[in-house]
């Protein structure tokens, strides 16, 4: 009787270790396929909307706040629009040069 219980216990432990290792192996290879990239590229910003934090116009620089990949980012902003931008105005990023963005009004 003791041999049956020991045999079942041994098989259960071996099977548990095998299935646990198999799950860890699947998770490891699944995670290797994912690409985690927290770098901010120009193509990630173009087309995004944001809000003006510091007012600006065609003659001056300002600051806008944009949600990029789940993080709020403040950027130096420039515009070619004839109207100025006030705090709270909605903007749309149309171009990025270096660390500055060119914006226009977002009337949505």
N, C-alpha and C. Protein backbone atom coordinates (compact mmCIF):
# COMPACT_ATOMS: atom_id res chain seq x y z
N UNK A 1 0.81 -1.19 0.00
CA UNK A 1 0.00 0.00 0.00
C UNK A 1 0.85 1.26 0.00
N UNK A 2 1.94 1.26 0.77
CA UNK A 2 2.82 2.41 0.83
C UNK A 2 3.50 2.67 -0.50
N UNK A 3 3.79 1.59 -1.24
CA UNK A 3 4.44 1.77 -2.53
C UNK A 3 3.51 2.45 -3.54
N UNK A 4 2.25 2.20 -3.47
CA UNK A 4 1.28 2.83 -4.36
C UNK A 4 1.21 4.33 -4.08
N UNK A 5 1.14 4.70 -2.81
CA UNK A 5 1.07 6.12 -2.44
C UNK A 5 2.37 6.82 -2.82
N UNK A 6 3.51 6.19 -2.58
CA UNK A 6 4.80 6.78 -2.96
C UNK A 6 4.92 6.92 -4.47
N UNK A 7 4.44 5.94 -5.21
CA UNK A 7 4.49 6.00 -6.67
C UNK A 7 3.61 7.14 -7.20
N UNK A 8 2.40 7.24 -6.68
CA UNK A 8 1.49 8.32 -7.10
C UNK A 8 2.07 9.68 -6.73
N UNK A 9 2.64 9.79 -5.55
CA UNK A 9 3.26 11.04 -5.10
C UNK A 9 4.43 11.41 -6.02
N UNK A 10 5.26 10.45 -6.33
CA UNK A 10 6.41 10.71 -7.22
C UNK A 10 5.97 11.14 -8.61
N UNK A 11 4.97 10.45 -9.13
CA UNK A 11 4.46 10.81 -10.47
C UNK A 11 3.84 12.21 -10.42
N UNK A 12 3.10 12.55 -9.37
CA UNK A 12 2.47 13.87 -9.24
C UNK A 12 3.51 14.97 -9.17
N UNK A 13 4.56 14.74 -8.38
CA UNK A 13 5.62 15.75 -8.26
C UNK A 13 6.34 15.92 -9.59
N UNK A 14 6.69 14.81 -10.25
CA UNK A 14 7.39 14.89 -11.54
C UNK A 14 6.52 15.59 -12.58
N UNK A 15 5.23 15.27 -12.61
CA UNK A 15 4.32 15.89 -13.56
C UNK A 15 4.16 17.39 -13.26
N UNK A 16 4.08 17.76 -12.00
CA UNK A 16 3.98 19.17 -11.62
C UNK A 16 5.21 19.96 -12.03
N UNK A 17 6.39 19.38 -11.80
CA UNK A 17 7.64 20.05 -12.19
C UNK A 17 7.70 20.18 -13.70
N UNK A 18 7.32 19.15 -14.44
CA UNK A 18 7.36 19.18 -15.90
C UNK A 18 6.40 20.24 -16.45
N UNK A 19 5.17 20.26 -15.96
CA UNK A 19 4.19 21.24 -16.46
C UNK A 19 4.60 22.66 -16.06
N UNK A 20 5.11 22.85 -14.85
CA UNK A 20 5.60 24.16 -14.43
C UNK A 20 6.74 24.65 -15.31
N UNK A 21 7.69 23.76 -15.61
CA UNK A 21 8.81 24.12 -16.48
C UNK A 21 8.32 24.45 -17.89
N UNK A 22 7.33 23.70 -18.36
CA UNK A 22 6.77 23.93 -19.68
C UNK A 22 6.10 25.31 -19.74
N UNK A 23 5.37 25.68 -18.71
CA UNK A 23 4.73 26.99 -18.67
C UNK A 23 5.78 28.10 -18.63
N UNK A 24 6.81 27.95 -17.82
CA UNK A 24 7.88 28.96 -17.76
C UNK A 24 8.55 29.09 -19.12
N UNK A 25 8.79 27.98 -19.79
CA UNK A 25 9.42 28.00 -21.12
C UNK A 25 8.54 28.75 -22.12
N UNK A 26 7.22 28.48 -22.12
CA UNK A 26 6.31 29.19 -23.01
C UNK A 26 6.30 30.69 -22.72
N UNK A 27 6.25 31.08 -21.46
CA UNK A 27 6.26 32.49 -21.10
C UNK A 27 7.56 33.14 -21.54
N UNK A 28 8.68 32.47 -21.32
CA UNK A 28 9.98 33.01 -21.71
C UNK A 28 10.03 33.29 -23.21
N UNK A 29 9.62 32.35 -24.03
CA UNK A 29 9.68 32.55 -25.47
C UNK A 29 8.60 33.52 -25.96
N UNK A 30 7.47 33.59 -25.29
CA UNK A 30 6.44 34.56 -25.65
C UNK A 30 6.95 35.98 -25.40
N UNK A 31 7.61 36.18 -24.26
CA UNK A 31 8.14 37.50 -23.91
C UNK A 31 9.29 37.92 -24.81
N UNK A 32 10.07 36.97 -25.31
CA UNK A 32 11.18 37.30 -26.21
C UNK A 32 10.67 37.84 -27.53
N UNK A 33 9.46 37.43 -27.94
CA UNK A 33 8.91 37.90 -29.21
C UNK A 33 8.40 39.33 -29.12
N UNK A 34 8.07 39.79 -27.92
CA UNK A 34 7.55 41.14 -27.75
C UNK A 34 8.69 42.15 -27.83
N UNK A 35 8.41 43.28 -28.47
CA UNK A 35 9.38 44.36 -28.56
C UNK A 35 8.92 45.47 -27.64
N UNK A 36 9.74 45.78 -26.67
CA UNK A 36 9.43 46.86 -25.74
C UNK A 36 10.32 48.04 -26.12
N UNK A 37 9.66 49.14 -26.50
CA UNK A 37 10.40 50.29 -27.00
C UNK A 37 9.84 51.55 -26.35
N UNK A 38 10.61 52.15 -25.49
CA UNK A 38 10.15 53.36 -24.82
C UNK A 38 10.76 54.61 -25.45
N UNK A 39 11.52 54.45 -26.54
CA UNK A 39 12.09 55.62 -27.20
C UNK A 39 11.01 56.38 -27.94
N UNK A 40 11.12 57.69 -27.95
CA UNK A 40 10.16 58.54 -28.63
C UNK A 40 10.74 58.92 -29.99
N UNK A 41 10.10 58.46 -31.05
CA UNK A 41 10.56 58.75 -32.40
C UNK A 41 9.66 59.81 -33.02
N UNK A 42 10.15 60.55 -34.01
CA UNK A 42 9.31 61.57 -34.66
C UNK A 42 8.01 61.01 -35.21
N UNK A 43 8.04 59.82 -35.78
CA UNK A 43 6.81 59.26 -36.34
C UNK A 43 5.79 58.91 -35.26
N UNK A 44 6.23 58.78 -34.00
CA UNK A 44 5.30 58.53 -32.90
C UNK A 44 4.54 59.80 -32.52
N UNK A 45 5.12 60.97 -32.81
CA UNK A 45 4.52 62.24 -32.41
C UNK A 45 3.62 62.85 -33.48
N UNK A 46 3.97 62.68 -34.74
CA UNK A 46 3.23 63.32 -35.82
C UNK A 46 1.79 62.80 -35.84
N UNK A 47 0.85 63.72 -35.82
CA UNK A 47 -0.56 63.37 -35.81
C UNK A 47 -1.18 63.31 -34.42
N UNK A 48 -0.36 63.44 -33.38
CA UNK A 48 -0.89 63.43 -32.02
C UNK A 48 -1.43 64.81 -31.65
N UNK A 49 -2.43 64.80 -30.81
CA UNK A 49 -2.98 66.04 -30.29
C UNK A 49 -2.42 66.32 -28.91
N UNK A 50 -2.49 67.57 -28.51
CA UNK A 50 -2.00 67.95 -27.19
C UNK A 50 -2.65 69.23 -26.73
N UNK A 51 -2.14 69.75 -25.63
CA UNK A 51 -2.68 70.98 -25.04
C UNK A 51 -1.53 71.96 -24.81
N UNK A 52 -1.79 73.23 -25.07
CA UNK A 52 -0.79 74.28 -24.89
C UNK A 52 -0.59 74.53 -23.39
N UNK A 53 0.66 74.55 -22.97
CA UNK A 53 1.02 74.84 -21.58
C UNK A 53 1.57 76.26 -21.43
N UNK A 54 2.35 76.70 -22.41
CA UNK A 54 2.87 78.07 -22.42
C UNK A 54 2.45 78.71 -23.74
N UNK A 55 1.82 79.90 -23.70
CA UNK A 55 1.33 80.52 -24.92
C UNK A 55 2.47 80.89 -25.88
N UNK A 56 2.15 80.86 -27.17
CA UNK A 56 3.14 81.21 -28.19
C UNK A 56 2.42 81.62 -29.46
N UNK A 57 3.19 82.18 -30.37
CA UNK A 57 2.66 82.56 -31.67
C UNK A 57 3.74 82.33 -32.72
N UNK A 58 3.54 82.91 -33.89
CA UNK A 58 4.46 82.71 -35.01
C UNK A 58 5.87 83.24 -34.69
N UNK A 59 5.95 84.23 -33.84
CA UNK A 59 7.23 84.88 -33.53
C UNK A 59 7.94 84.31 -32.31
N UNK A 60 7.26 83.46 -31.54
CA UNK A 60 7.86 82.95 -30.31
C UNK A 60 7.64 81.44 -30.17
N UNK A 61 8.37 80.87 -29.23
CA UNK A 61 8.23 79.45 -28.91
C UNK A 61 7.29 79.29 -27.72
N UNK A 62 6.69 78.13 -27.64
CA UNK A 62 5.84 77.83 -26.50
C UNK A 62 6.09 76.41 -26.04
N UNK A 63 5.19 75.93 -25.21
CA UNK A 63 5.31 74.56 -24.71
C UNK A 63 3.96 73.88 -24.81
N UNK A 64 3.99 72.62 -25.29
CA UNK A 64 2.77 71.82 -25.38
C UNK A 64 2.98 70.52 -24.62
N UNK A 65 1.88 69.96 -24.14
CA UNK A 65 1.92 68.69 -23.41
C UNK A 65 1.16 67.66 -24.24
N UNK A 66 1.83 66.50 -24.47
CA UNK A 66 1.28 65.46 -25.33
C UNK A 66 1.40 64.12 -24.60
N UNK A 67 0.39 63.26 -24.79
CA UNK A 67 0.43 61.90 -24.25
C UNK A 67 1.07 60.99 -25.30
N UNK A 68 2.29 60.51 -25.01
CA UNK A 68 3.03 59.65 -25.93
C UNK A 68 3.26 58.30 -25.25
N UNK A 69 2.68 57.25 -25.79
CA UNK A 69 2.85 55.89 -25.27
C UNK A 69 2.54 55.81 -23.78
N UNK A 70 1.51 56.52 -23.35
CA UNK A 70 1.09 56.45 -21.96
C UNK A 70 1.83 57.38 -21.02
N UNK A 71 2.75 58.20 -21.53
CA UNK A 71 3.47 59.15 -20.69
C UNK A 71 3.22 60.57 -21.18
N UNK A 72 3.04 61.49 -20.24
CA UNK A 72 2.87 62.89 -20.60
C UNK A 72 4.24 63.51 -20.85
N UNK A 73 4.38 64.14 -22.01
CA UNK A 73 5.66 64.72 -22.42
C UNK A 73 5.44 66.19 -22.77
N UNK A 74 6.32 67.05 -22.25
CA UNK A 74 6.28 68.47 -22.60
C UNK A 74 7.30 68.72 -23.70
N UNK A 75 6.87 69.44 -24.74
CA UNK A 75 7.73 69.70 -25.89
C UNK A 75 7.73 71.18 -26.24
N UNK A 76 8.84 71.65 -26.76
CA UNK A 76 8.92 73.01 -27.28
C UNK A 76 8.14 73.04 -28.59
N UNK A 77 7.29 74.06 -28.75
CA UNK A 77 6.41 74.12 -29.92
C UNK A 77 6.61 75.40 -30.71
N UNK A 78 6.51 75.27 -32.03
CA UNK A 78 6.55 76.38 -32.96
C UNK A 78 5.35 76.27 -33.88
N UNK A 79 4.99 77.40 -34.53
CA UNK A 79 3.87 77.35 -35.47
C UNK A 79 4.08 78.33 -36.60
N UNK A 80 3.42 78.07 -37.71
CA UNK A 80 3.36 78.99 -38.84
C UNK A 80 1.99 79.64 -38.93
N UNK A 81 1.07 79.26 -38.02
CA UNK A 81 -0.28 79.83 -38.03
C UNK A 81 -0.22 81.31 -37.69
N UNK A 82 -1.10 82.10 -38.31
CA UNK A 82 -1.13 83.53 -38.05
C UNK A 82 -1.69 83.85 -36.66
N UNK A 83 -2.58 83.00 -36.16
CA UNK A 83 -3.14 83.21 -34.82
C UNK A 83 -2.19 82.66 -33.77
N UNK A 84 -2.22 83.25 -32.60
CA UNK A 84 -1.43 82.73 -31.50
C UNK A 84 -2.17 81.62 -30.78
N UNK A 85 -1.47 80.93 -29.92
CA UNK A 85 -2.04 79.86 -29.11
C UNK A 85 -2.04 80.30 -27.66
N UNK A 86 -3.13 80.05 -26.97
CA UNK A 86 -3.27 80.40 -25.56
C UNK A 86 -3.26 79.11 -24.73
N UNK A 87 -3.00 79.26 -23.44
CA UNK A 87 -2.99 78.11 -22.53
C UNK A 87 -4.33 77.39 -22.61
N UNK A 88 -4.27 76.06 -22.79
CA UNK A 88 -5.48 75.25 -22.86
C UNK A 88 -5.95 74.97 -24.27
N UNK A 89 -5.42 75.69 -25.27
CA UNK A 89 -5.81 75.42 -26.67
C UNK A 89 -5.36 74.02 -27.07
N UNK A 90 -6.16 73.39 -27.91
CA UNK A 90 -5.82 72.07 -28.43
C UNK A 90 -4.99 72.23 -29.69
N UNK A 91 -3.94 71.41 -29.80
CA UNK A 91 -3.04 71.49 -30.95
C UNK A 91 -2.91 70.12 -31.61
N UNK A 92 -2.39 70.12 -32.84
CA UNK A 92 -2.09 68.91 -33.57
C UNK A 92 -0.66 69.01 -34.06
N UNK A 93 0.16 68.02 -33.78
CA UNK A 93 1.56 68.03 -34.21
C UNK A 93 1.62 67.63 -35.68
N UNK A 94 2.27 68.49 -36.49
CA UNK A 94 2.37 68.20 -37.92
C UNK A 94 3.79 67.88 -38.36
N UNK A 95 4.79 68.25 -37.55
CA UNK A 95 6.17 68.00 -37.93
C UNK A 95 7.06 68.06 -36.70
N UNK A 96 8.20 67.38 -36.77
CA UNK A 96 9.16 67.44 -35.68
C UNK A 96 10.53 67.70 -36.26
N UNK A 97 11.24 68.65 -35.68
CA UNK A 97 12.62 68.96 -36.07
C UNK A 97 13.47 69.01 -34.82
N UNK A 98 14.39 68.10 -34.70
CA UNK A 98 15.22 68.03 -33.50
C UNK A 98 14.34 67.73 -32.30
N UNK A 99 14.38 68.63 -31.32
CA UNK A 99 13.54 68.43 -30.13
C UNK A 99 12.36 69.39 -30.10
N UNK A 100 12.04 69.99 -31.25
CA UNK A 100 10.92 70.93 -31.34
C UNK A 100 9.84 70.36 -32.26
N UNK A 101 8.59 70.71 -31.96
CA UNK A 101 7.48 70.26 -32.80
C UNK A 101 6.80 71.47 -33.44
N UNK A 102 6.34 71.29 -34.66
CA UNK A 102 5.54 72.28 -35.36
C UNK A 102 4.09 71.87 -35.22
N UNK A 103 3.26 72.83 -34.83
CA UNK A 103 1.87 72.50 -34.52
C UNK A 103 0.91 73.41 -35.28
N UNK A 104 -0.34 72.97 -35.32
CA UNK A 104 -1.45 73.76 -35.85
C UNK A 104 -2.63 73.56 -34.92
N UNK A 105 -3.66 74.39 -35.10
CA UNK A 105 -4.86 74.27 -34.25
C UNK A 105 -5.56 72.95 -34.52
N UNK A 106 -6.06 72.35 -33.46
CA UNK A 106 -6.87 71.14 -33.56
C UNK A 106 -8.27 71.52 -33.13
N UNK A 107 -9.15 71.72 -34.08
CA UNK A 107 -10.50 72.22 -33.79
C UNK A 107 -11.51 71.12 -33.55
N UNK A 108 -11.07 69.90 -33.25
CA UNK A 108 -12.02 68.81 -33.01
C UNK A 108 -12.60 68.88 -31.63
